[in-house]
């Protein structure tokens, strides 16, 4: 049975950057504040079909709007964090590419000289990738990304162990059979990305991520990264109002 796009993308786990999410944007039914910040340290949820389904955040109080979607477990005790408890630094430079070992070629072609402030690539720039294998997965970060990690990790793990039974009971109605509950202790964040997977029996697959400008007709001039000429690949790209 052929692998789904999310299963192919999960192959990036071998790069040891955490659990890759084929659909990294948040559930649109979650509180708007959560949608804007995306997955964060302390989030508790389920990984399903290439996305992280948020349930509650263990580091925010039960009364915080972040925890208003589903509520919190019975007898909930939060693990408060301060800014010094989180390490944050730029981890990926603009134009970074993360790929499975099967990707054989990656080329960056710079476009014209019209630069939009805050964009590392000029309009018309593109990143072209090519694979000669039957399966491949790619993450392109046009604007780079930062990495956040929890510093008092062992203390937090002790907190999770202490309350894990209550958390699992709370999450049981959301979990698939024999499902696992995930607690976020680190994450990568960006404001734009391009994701692609390919599965083919006919040799080489080439795809290109291009910076284009949408909304010219209505005057918004909203820049977007879009995949072009992707053939047998399954693709996904965003320049959203929230972060990954």
Protein backbone atom coordinates (compact mmCIF):
# COMPACT_ATOMS: atom_id res chain seq x y z
CA UNK A 1 0.00 0.00 0.00
CA UNK A 2 1.50 3.39 -0.96
CA UNK A 3 2.55 5.68 1.87
CA UNK A 4 0.55 8.85 2.49
CA UNK A 5 2.21 12.27 2.17
CA UNK A 6 2.35 12.62 5.96
CA UNK A 7 3.99 9.18 6.28
CA UNK A 8 6.60 10.12 3.69
CA UNK A 9 7.25 13.43 5.45
CA UNK A 10 7.71 11.59 8.74
CA UNK A 11 10.91 10.26 7.16
CA UNK A 12 12.52 13.57 8.16
CA UNK A 13 12.55 12.20 11.73
CA UNK A 14 15.87 10.60 10.80
CA UNK A 15 17.39 14.11 10.62
CA UNK A 16 16.87 14.34 14.41
CA UNK A 17 15.11 17.71 14.47
CA UNK A 18 12.06 16.45 16.37
CA UNK A 19 8.76 15.14 15.02
CA UNK A 20 8.06 16.64 11.56
CA UNK A 21 4.50 17.86 10.94
CA UNK A 22 3.26 17.74 7.35
CA UNK A 23 0.46 20.14 8.34
CA UNK A 24 2.14 22.46 10.87
CA UNK A 25 -0.52 25.18 11.00
CA UNK A 26 -2.87 25.10 14.03
CA UNK A 27 -6.46 23.91 14.11
CA UNK A 28 -8.58 26.90 13.07
CA UNK A 29 -11.13 26.13 15.81
CA UNK A 30 -8.58 26.84 18.54
CA UNK A 31 -8.41 30.22 20.32
CA UNK A 32 -7.10 32.94 18.00
CA UNK A 33 -4.14 33.64 20.31
CA UNK A 34 -3.01 30.03 19.98
CA UNK A 35 -3.41 30.14 16.21
CA UNK A 36 -1.08 33.14 16.09
CA UNK A 37 1.73 31.61 18.16
CA UNK A 38 1.41 27.99 17.04
CA UNK A 39 2.90 25.01 18.86
CA UNK A 40 4.74 26.09 22.02
CA UNK A 41 6.68 24.62 24.91
CA UNK A 42 4.31 23.01 27.40
CA UNK A 43 1.69 22.05 24.81
CA UNK A 44 0.06 18.68 25.42
CA UNK A 45 -1.64 16.98 22.51
CA UNK A 46 -1.83 14.23 19.92
CA UNK A 47 0.10 13.71 16.68
CA UNK A 48 -2.38 12.58 14.05
CA UNK A 49 -2.12 12.38 10.25
CA UNK A 50 0.85 14.72 10.09
CA UNK A 51 -0.47 17.42 12.42
CA UNK A 52 -0.29 18.23 16.14
CA UNK A 53 -3.72 18.37 17.79
CA UNK A 54 -3.42 20.70 20.79
CA UNK A 55 -5.41 19.89 23.95
CA UNK A 56 -3.96 22.13 26.67
CA UNK A 57 -0.75 23.81 27.78
CA UNK A 58 0.83 22.51 30.98
CA UNK A 59 2.71 25.75 31.65
CA UNK A 60 -0.20 28.18 31.56
CA UNK A 61 -2.89 28.42 34.28
CA UNK A 62 -6.29 26.85 33.72
CA UNK A 63 -7.84 30.32 33.40
CA UNK A 64 -5.59 31.43 30.54
CA UNK A 65 -7.35 31.83 27.17
CA UNK A 66 -4.87 29.33 25.68
CA UNK A 67 -6.56 26.62 27.76
CA UNK A 68 -10.12 27.64 26.93
CA UNK A 69 -10.68 25.31 23.97
CA UNK A 70 -11.01 21.99 25.80
CA UNK A 71 -10.35 22.96 29.40
CA UNK A 72 -7.72 21.22 31.51
CA UNK A 73 -7.46 17.92 33.42
CA UNK A 74 -9.08 17.52 36.82
CA UNK A 75 -6.98 18.90 39.71
CA UNK A 76 -4.76 20.60 37.14
CA UNK A 77 -1.45 22.02 38.40
CA UNK A 78 0.50 24.16 35.95
CA UNK A 79 4.29 24.36 35.61
CA UNK A 80 4.93 28.14 35.42
CA UNK A 81 7.78 29.31 33.20
CA UNK A 82 9.72 32.55 32.99
CA UNK A 83 11.60 33.86 29.95
CA UNK A 84 14.90 32.59 31.37
CA UNK A 85 13.54 29.02 31.39
CA UNK A 86 13.50 28.90 27.58
CA UNK A 87 16.50 28.91 25.27
CA UNK A 88 15.77 30.71 21.99
CA UNK A 89 18.18 31.28 19.11
CA UNK A 90 18.27 31.47 15.33
CA UNK A 91 18.90 27.91 14.20
CA UNK A 92 18.30 27.87 10.43
CA UNK A 93 19.50 30.60 8.08
CA UNK A 94 17.18 31.91 5.31
CA UNK A 95 16.85 29.45 2.45
CA UNK A 96 17.68 26.39 4.60
CA UNK A 97 16.64 23.02 3.19
CA UNK A 98 16.03 19.90 5.29
CA UNK A 99 15.59 16.73 3.27
CA UNK A 100 15.69 12.98 3.48
CA UNK A 101 18.87 11.36 2.22
CA UNK A 102 17.17 10.57 -1.08
CA UNK A 103 17.18 14.20 -2.32
CA UNK A 104 19.97 14.33 -4.90
CA UNK A 105 20.08 17.99 -5.99
CA UNK A 106 19.13 21.39 -4.57
CA UNK A 107 19.72 24.69 -6.37
CA UNK A 108 18.91 28.27 -5.34
CA UNK A 109 18.24 30.66 -8.22
CA UNK A 110 18.04 34.36 -7.34
CA UNK A 111 15.42 36.46 -9.11
CA UNK A 112 15.17 40.18 -9.86
CA UNK A 113 16.26 43.14 -7.75
CA UNK A 114 12.86 44.10 -6.29
CA UNK A 115 13.14 43.18 -2.62
CA UNK A 116 10.24 43.17 -0.15
CA UNK A 117 11.38 44.27 3.37
CA UNK A 118 11.81 41.27 5.63
CA UNK A 119 12.10 38.81 2.77
CA UNK A 120 15.50 37.15 2.30
CA UNK A 121 14.81 36.22 -1.32
CA UNK A 122 14.02 38.65 -4.11
CA UNK A 123 10.86 38.39 -6.17
CA UNK A 124 11.21 35.72 -8.79
CA UNK A 125 13.71 33.71 -6.74
CA UNK A 126 13.21 29.98 -6.63
CA UNK A 127 14.57 26.88 -4.97
CA UNK A 128 14.61 23.88 -7.28
CA UNK A 129 14.95 20.39 -5.85
CA UNK A 130 15.34 17.06 -7.57
CA UNK A 131 15.12 13.47 -6.41
CA UNK A 132 16.01 10.33 -8.30
CA UNK A 133 14.62 7.95 -5.70
CA UNK A 134 11.14 6.53 -5.32
CA UNK A 135 10.49 8.41 -2.07
CA UNK A 136 11.56 11.78 -0.72
CA UNK A 137 10.58 14.53 1.74
CA UNK A 138 11.67 18.17 1.84
CA UNK A 139 11.23 21.16 4.14
CA UNK A 140 12.33 24.56 2.78
CA UNK A 141 12.62 27.54 5.16
CA UNK A 142 12.73 30.70 2.97
CA UNK A 143 13.11 32.97 6.00
CA UNK A 144 15.00 30.54 8.22
CA UNK A 145 13.75 29.51 11.67
CA UNK A 146 14.44 29.85 15.37
CA UNK A 147 14.66 27.00 17.86
CA UNK A 148 13.22 27.03 21.37
CA UNK A 149 14.14 24.50 24.06
CA UNK A 150 13.07 24.12 27.67
CA UNK A 151 16.02 24.51 30.04
CA UNK A 152 14.75 23.00 33.36
CA UNK A 153 13.98 19.82 31.42
CA UNK A 154 14.44 17.23 34.17
CA UNK A 155 12.30 19.19 36.64
CA UNK A 156 9.57 19.47 34.02
CA UNK A 157 9.79 15.75 33.24
CA UNK A 158 9.25 15.01 36.93
CA UNK A 159 6.16 17.25 36.83
CA UNK A 160 4.85 15.38 33.77
CA UNK A 161 5.40 11.99 35.43
CA UNK A 162 3.57 13.16 38.56
CA UNK A 163 0.44 14.22 36.69
CA UNK A 164 0.57 11.98 33.62
CA UNK A 165 -2.28 9.73 34.81
CA UNK A 166 -4.69 12.68 35.12
CA UNK A 167 -3.56 14.05 31.76
CA UNK A 168 -4.06 10.73 30.01
CA UNK A 169 -7.51 10.29 31.55
CA UNK A 170 -8.44 13.77 30.33
CA UNK A 171 -7.14 13.06 26.82
CA UNK A 172 -8.62 9.58 26.48
CA UNK A 173 -11.70 10.71 24.55
CA UNK A 174 -9.45 12.35 21.94
CA UNK A 175 -6.91 9.52 21.62
CA UNK A 176 -7.06 6.79 19.00
CA UNK A 177 -6.78 3.24 20.32
CA UNK A 178 -3.32 2.66 21.81
CA UNK A 179 -2.54 6.30 21.04
CA UNK A 180 0.18 8.37 22.69
CA UNK A 181 0.04 11.76 24.36
CA UNK A 182 2.83 14.19 23.44
CA UNK A 183 4.28 16.98 25.59
CA UNK A 184 6.28 19.69 23.79
CA UNK A 185 9.67 20.54 25.35
CA UNK A 186 11.17 22.18 22.26
CA UNK A 187 10.08 23.47 18.86
CA UNK A 188 11.26 25.27 15.74
CA UNK A 189 9.40 28.41 14.66
CA UNK A 190 9.20 30.22 11.35
CA UNK A 191 6.80 32.45 9.44
CA UNK A 192 7.00 30.71 6.06
CA UNK A 193 7.71 27.25 4.79
CA UNK A 194 7.50 24.94 1.81
CA UNK A 195 6.84 21.24 2.33
CA UNK A 196 6.92 18.54 -0.33
CA UNK A 197 6.93 14.77 -0.55
CA UNK A 198 7.32 12.58 -3.62
CA UNK A 199 6.59 8.96 -4.33
CA UNK A 200 7.03 7.68 -7.86
CA UNK A 201 8.05 4.62 -9.82
CA UNK A 202 9.28 6.57 -12.84
CA UNK A 203 12.63 7.99 -11.81
CA UNK A 204 13.44 11.67 -11.35
CA UNK A 205 11.00 14.15 -9.79
CA UNK A 206 11.79 17.88 -9.93
CA UNK A 207 9.95 20.61 -7.98
CA UNK A 208 10.46 24.35 -7.58
CA UNK A 209 9.46 26.70 -4.74
CA UNK A 210 9.03 30.22 -6.10
CA UNK A 211 8.42 33.59 -4.41
CA UNK A 212 5.47 35.28 -6.09
CA UNK A 213 3.24 38.25 -5.26
CA UNK A 214 -0.48 37.62 -4.89
CA UNK A 215 -3.24 40.19 -4.50
CA UNK A 216 -2.04 42.62 -7.17
CA UNK A 217 -5.62 43.06 -8.38
CA UNK A 218 -6.93 44.17 -4.99
CA UNK A 219 -3.83 46.19 -4.09
CA UNK A 220 -2.71 44.07 -1.14
CA UNK A 221 0.56 42.89 -2.77
CA UNK A 222 0.75 39.96 -0.38
CA UNK A 223 3.90 37.88 -1.02
CA UNK A 224 3.55 34.11 -1.10
CA UNK A 225 5.87 31.17 -1.56
CA UNK A 226 4.30 28.72 -3.98
CA UNK A 227 5.40 25.40 -5.38
CA UNK A 228 5.61 25.28 -9.18
CA UNK A 229 5.97 22.37 -11.62
CA UNK A 230 5.76 19.75 -8.92
CA UNK A 231 4.60 16.82 -11.07
CA UNK A 232 4.37 13.67 -8.94
CA UNK A 233 5.05 15.47 -5.65
CA UNK A 234 2.54 16.37 -2.92
CA UNK A 235 3.23 19.94 -1.82
CA UNK A 236 2.23 22.46 0.83
CA UNK A 237 3.47 26.02 1.38
CA UNK A 238 2.44 28.95 3.54
CA UNK A 239 3.21 32.55 4.38
CA UNK A 240 0.72 32.80 7.27
CA UNK A 241 -0.14 35.23 10.08
CA UNK A 242 0.98 32.68 12.66
CA UNK A 243 4.27 30.90 13.17
CA UNK A 244 5.14 27.28 12.66
